[in-house]
Amino acid sequence: MQQGVTEEQICGIYRDTIDALYGYVSRRCGGNRARAEDITQDTWLRAVRAWRQQGVPVRPLAWLTTVARNLLFNELRRVAPLPLDEVTSRDILAAADNLPVSESAEIAAVVNHALGRLPGRQQRLLEAFHYDRCSVAQIAEVFAISERAVEGRLRRARQNLRKELEAALEAAGGIQ
C-alpha cells in the first residue's frame, strides 16, 4: 500500500482504470447500463474512502474489480431474478452454455444469480474464461494448475451452473 495519497494520484488512477472497471462490471450486468454505472460508481466511492485512510494498493485495478465483484454478488444474493415473463427455460439453459450473456437483461440476471450460487473458485474460473476471455493457458498460470485441470474444472463448473439454473427454473414453476 502506498500511503499519503493525493487527489491528483486518485484522479490519475481513475483515468487509468475506469474503462476497464466499467467493462468488467457491464459484462456482468447483462446490458443493464444503469446498474453497471451504479456499481462502478459505488466501487469508486469505496476506493476513495479506503485509499485515503489506508493508501493505494499496489494493484489498484485488481482491488477495484474485487470490490465490484463483491458488490455484484451481494446484489445478486438479495435480488430474486424470477419470475421470468417472456424467457423460456431453453433460452436460459442455452445462455449457460454460451456465456457471456448480454442479449437479455432478464436472462443475464438469472444466469448471474446462478453463477453467484457456485463456489467462489468455480465462479472465478467461469468469469475468467467467459467474461474476461482468458485462454485456458492464462487461467492455468493464474490458478497455478495444468491446462488439463482447467478444462476439467471448467466442465464441472458449467455442469454445476446448469444444475443451479435448472433448480431455479424448477422453483419458478418449470418455465417452458
Protein backbone atom coordinates (compact mmCIF):
# COMPACT_ATOMS: atom_id res chain seq x y z
CA MET A 1 0.00 0.00 0.00
CA GLN A 2 1.16 3.47 -0.88
CA GLN A 3 0.49 5.88 1.99
CA GLY A 4 -0.39 9.58 1.67
CA VAL A 5 -2.44 9.51 -1.50
CA THR A 6 -3.24 12.85 -3.16
CA GLU A 7 -6.31 13.87 -5.14
CA GLU A 8 -4.12 14.06 -8.23
CA GLN A 9 -3.00 10.45 -7.76
CA ILE A 10 -6.59 9.28 -7.27
CA CYS A 11 -7.67 11.15 -10.43
CA GLY A 12 -4.81 9.55 -12.36
CA ILE A 13 -5.74 6.07 -11.18
CA TYR A 14 -9.37 6.81 -12.04
CA ARG A 15 -8.43 7.81 -15.61
CA ASP A 16 -6.23 4.72 -15.98
CA THR A 17 -8.79 2.22 -14.66
CA ILE A 18 -12.32 3.49 -15.25
CA ASP A 19 -12.76 1.96 -18.71
CA ALA A 20 -11.51 -1.46 -17.63
CA LEU A 21 -13.59 -1.39 -14.45
CA TYR A 22 -16.75 -0.33 -16.25
CA GLY A 23 -16.16 -3.01 -18.89
CA TYR A 24 -15.75 -5.64 -16.17
CA VAL A 25 -18.97 -4.58 -14.44
CA SER A 26 -21.05 -4.04 -17.56
CA ARG A 27 -20.24 -7.52 -18.91
CA ARG A 28 -21.73 -8.91 -15.71
CA CYS A 29 -24.87 -6.75 -15.72
CA GLY A 30 -26.48 -8.20 -18.83
CA GLY A 31 -26.98 -4.94 -20.66
CA ASN A 32 -28.37 -3.04 -17.66
CA ARG A 33 -26.40 0.16 -18.12
CA ALA A 34 -27.83 1.97 -15.08
CA ARG A 35 -26.90 -0.94 -12.82
CA ALA A 36 -23.39 -1.10 -14.29
CA GLU A 37 -22.93 2.63 -13.73
CA ASP A 38 -24.22 2.41 -10.15
CA ILE A 39 -21.89 -0.44 -9.24
CA THR A 40 -18.92 1.24 -10.90
CA GLN A 41 -19.66 4.47 -9.02
CA ASP A 42 -20.15 2.66 -5.70
CA THR A 43 -16.87 0.83 -6.24
CA TRP A 44 -15.03 4.10 -6.80
CA LEU A 45 -16.64 5.75 -3.78
CA ARG A 46 -15.42 2.88 -1.63
CA ALA A 47 -11.98 3.12 -3.19
CA VAL A 48 -11.61 6.82 -2.46
CA ARG A 49 -12.69 6.34 1.17
CA ALA A 50 -10.44 3.33 1.72
CA TRP A 51 -7.44 4.70 -0.10
CA ARG A 52 -7.50 7.99 1.80
CA GLN A 53 -7.28 6.04 5.04
CA GLN A 54 -5.15 3.05 4.06
CA GLY A 55 -3.28 4.19 0.98
CA VAL A 56 -3.46 2.99 -2.60
CA PRO A 57 -3.00 -0.75 -3.14
CA VAL A 58 -0.13 -1.97 -5.27
CA ARG A 59 -2.59 -3.13 -7.96
CA PRO A 60 -5.49 -0.64 -7.92
CA LEU A 61 -7.43 -2.27 -10.76
CA ALA A 62 -7.33 -5.66 -9.04
CA TRP A 63 -8.62 -4.01 -5.85
CA LEU A 64 -11.40 -2.25 -7.78
CA THR A 65 -12.53 -5.37 -9.63
CA THR A 66 -12.59 -7.37 -6.40
CA VAL A 67 -14.81 -4.76 -4.75
CA ALA A 68 -17.06 -4.56 -7.84
CA ARG A 69 -17.34 -8.35 -7.97
CA ASN A 70 -18.34 -8.47 -4.31
CA LEU A 71 -20.92 -5.72 -4.83
CA LEU A 72 -22.38 -7.60 -7.80
CA PHE A 73 -22.65 -10.86 -5.90
CA ASN A 74 -24.11 -9.16 -2.82
CA GLU A 75 -26.74 -7.59 -5.02
CA LEU A 76 -27.50 -10.88 -6.75
CA ARG A 77 -27.98 -12.62 -3.41
CA ARG A 78 -30.56 -10.02 -2.34
CA VAL A 79 -32.49 -9.88 -5.59
CA ALA A 80 -34.54 -12.82 -6.78
CA PRO A 81 -34.48 -12.60 -10.58
CA LEU A 82 -37.61 -14.67 -11.12
CA PRO A 83 -40.37 -14.75 -12.30
CA LEU A 84 -39.48 -14.64 -15.94
CA ASP A 85 -42.16 -13.48 -18.32
CA GLU A 86 -41.02 -13.89 -21.90
CA VAL A 87 -38.00 -16.10 -21.41
CA THR A 88 -38.07 -19.86 -21.85
CA SER A 89 -36.07 -22.38 -19.89
CA ARG A 90 -34.40 -23.32 -23.17
CA ASP A 91 -33.17 -19.69 -23.52
CA ILE A 92 -31.74 -19.71 -20.01
CA LEU A 93 -30.04 -23.08 -20.29
CA ALA A 94 -28.65 -22.14 -23.69
CA ALA A 95 -27.30 -18.94 -22.13
CA ALA A 96 -25.49 -21.00 -19.50
CA ASP A 97 -23.82 -22.97 -22.27
CA ASN A 98 -22.87 -19.83 -24.20
CA LEU A 99 -21.67 -17.32 -21.60
CA PRO A 100 -21.29 -14.34 -21.53
CA VAL A 101 -24.91 -13.32 -21.52
CA SER A 102 -25.74 -9.94 -22.97
CA GLU A 103 -28.79 -10.32 -25.20
CA SER A 104 -31.39 -10.17 -22.44
CA ALA A 105 -31.09 -8.48 -19.07
CA GLU A 106 -33.64 -10.96 -17.72
CA ILE A 107 -31.62 -13.99 -18.85
CA ALA A 108 -28.39 -12.38 -17.65
CA ALA A 109 -29.90 -11.80 -14.21
CA VAL A 110 -30.90 -15.45 -13.90
CA VAL A 111 -27.54 -16.74 -15.11
CA ASN A 112 -25.58 -14.32 -12.92
CA HIS A 113 -27.74 -15.23 -9.92
CA ALA A 114 -26.99 -18.92 -10.51
CA LEU A 115 -23.31 -18.08 -11.00
CA GLY A 116 -23.33 -16.33 -7.64
CA ARG A 117 -24.51 -19.55 -6.00
CA LEU A 118 -21.47 -21.53 -7.19
CA PRO A 119 -18.35 -21.96 -5.07
CA GLY A 120 -16.00 -18.99 -5.42
CA ARG A 121 -13.31 -20.84 -7.35
CA GLN A 122 -15.83 -22.09 -9.92
CA GLN A 123 -17.25 -18.57 -10.27
CA ARG A 124 -13.79 -17.16 -10.90
CA LEU A 125 -12.97 -19.85 -13.47
CA LEU A 126 -16.17 -19.25 -15.44
CA GLU A 127 -15.75 -15.47 -15.22
CA ALA A 128 -12.14 -15.61 -16.35
CA PHE A 129 -12.90 -17.84 -19.32
CA HIS A 130 -16.26 -16.49 -20.49
CA TYR A 131 -16.40 -12.86 -19.34
CA ASP A 132 -12.75 -11.87 -19.30
CA ARG A 133 -11.92 -14.02 -22.35
CA CYS A 134 -8.78 -15.52 -20.78
CA SER A 135 -7.34 -18.54 -22.51
CA VAL A 136 -7.05 -21.90 -20.77
CA ALA A 137 -3.29 -21.35 -20.65
CA GLN A 138 -3.70 -17.95 -18.95
CA ILE A 139 -6.13 -19.38 -16.41
CA ALA A 140 -3.77 -22.30 -15.72
CA GLU A 141 -0.98 -19.84 -14.99
CA VAL A 142 -3.11 -17.67 -12.68
CA PHE A 143 -4.57 -20.65 -10.79
CA ALA A 144 -1.21 -22.49 -10.80
CA ILE A 145 -2.71 -25.67 -12.26
CA SER A 146 -2.31 -27.55 -15.53
CA GLU A 147 -4.31 -26.68 -18.63
CA ARG A 148 -5.93 -30.10 -18.47
CA ALA A 149 -7.04 -29.37 -14.90
CA VAL A 150 -8.52 -26.04 -16.02
CA GLU A 151 -10.51 -27.79 -18.74
CA GLY A 152 -11.87 -30.34 -16.27
CA ARG A 153 -12.74 -27.70 -13.70
CA LEU A 154 -14.44 -25.55 -16.32
CA ARG A 155 -16.51 -28.53 -17.40
CA ARG A 156 -17.57 -29.24 -13.79
CA ALA A 157 -18.27 -25.56 -13.16
CA ARG A 158 -20.51 -25.41 -16.25
CA GLN A 159 -22.32 -28.56 -15.10
CA ASN A 160 -22.89 -27.04 -11.66
CA LEU A 161 -24.08 -23.78 -13.21
CA ARG A 162 -26.55 -25.72 -15.32
CA LYS A 163 -27.81 -27.55 -12.20
CA GLU A 164 -28.29 -24.21 -10.42
CA LEU A 165 -30.23 -22.88 -13.38
CA GLU A 166 -32.39 -25.98 -13.57
CA ALA A 167 -33.13 -25.68 -9.84
CA ALA A 168 -34.06 -22.01 -10.26
CA LEU A 169 -36.35 -22.86 -13.16
CA GLU A 170 -37.99 -25.66 -11.22
CA ALA A 171 -38.53 -23.34 -8.24
CA ALA A 172 -40.13 -20.84 -10.59
CA GLY A 173 -42.67 -23.38 -11.68
CA GLY A 174 -40.95 -25.02 -14.61
CA ILE A 175 -40.92 -22.23 -17.16
CA GLN A 176 -41.18 -23.56 -20.70
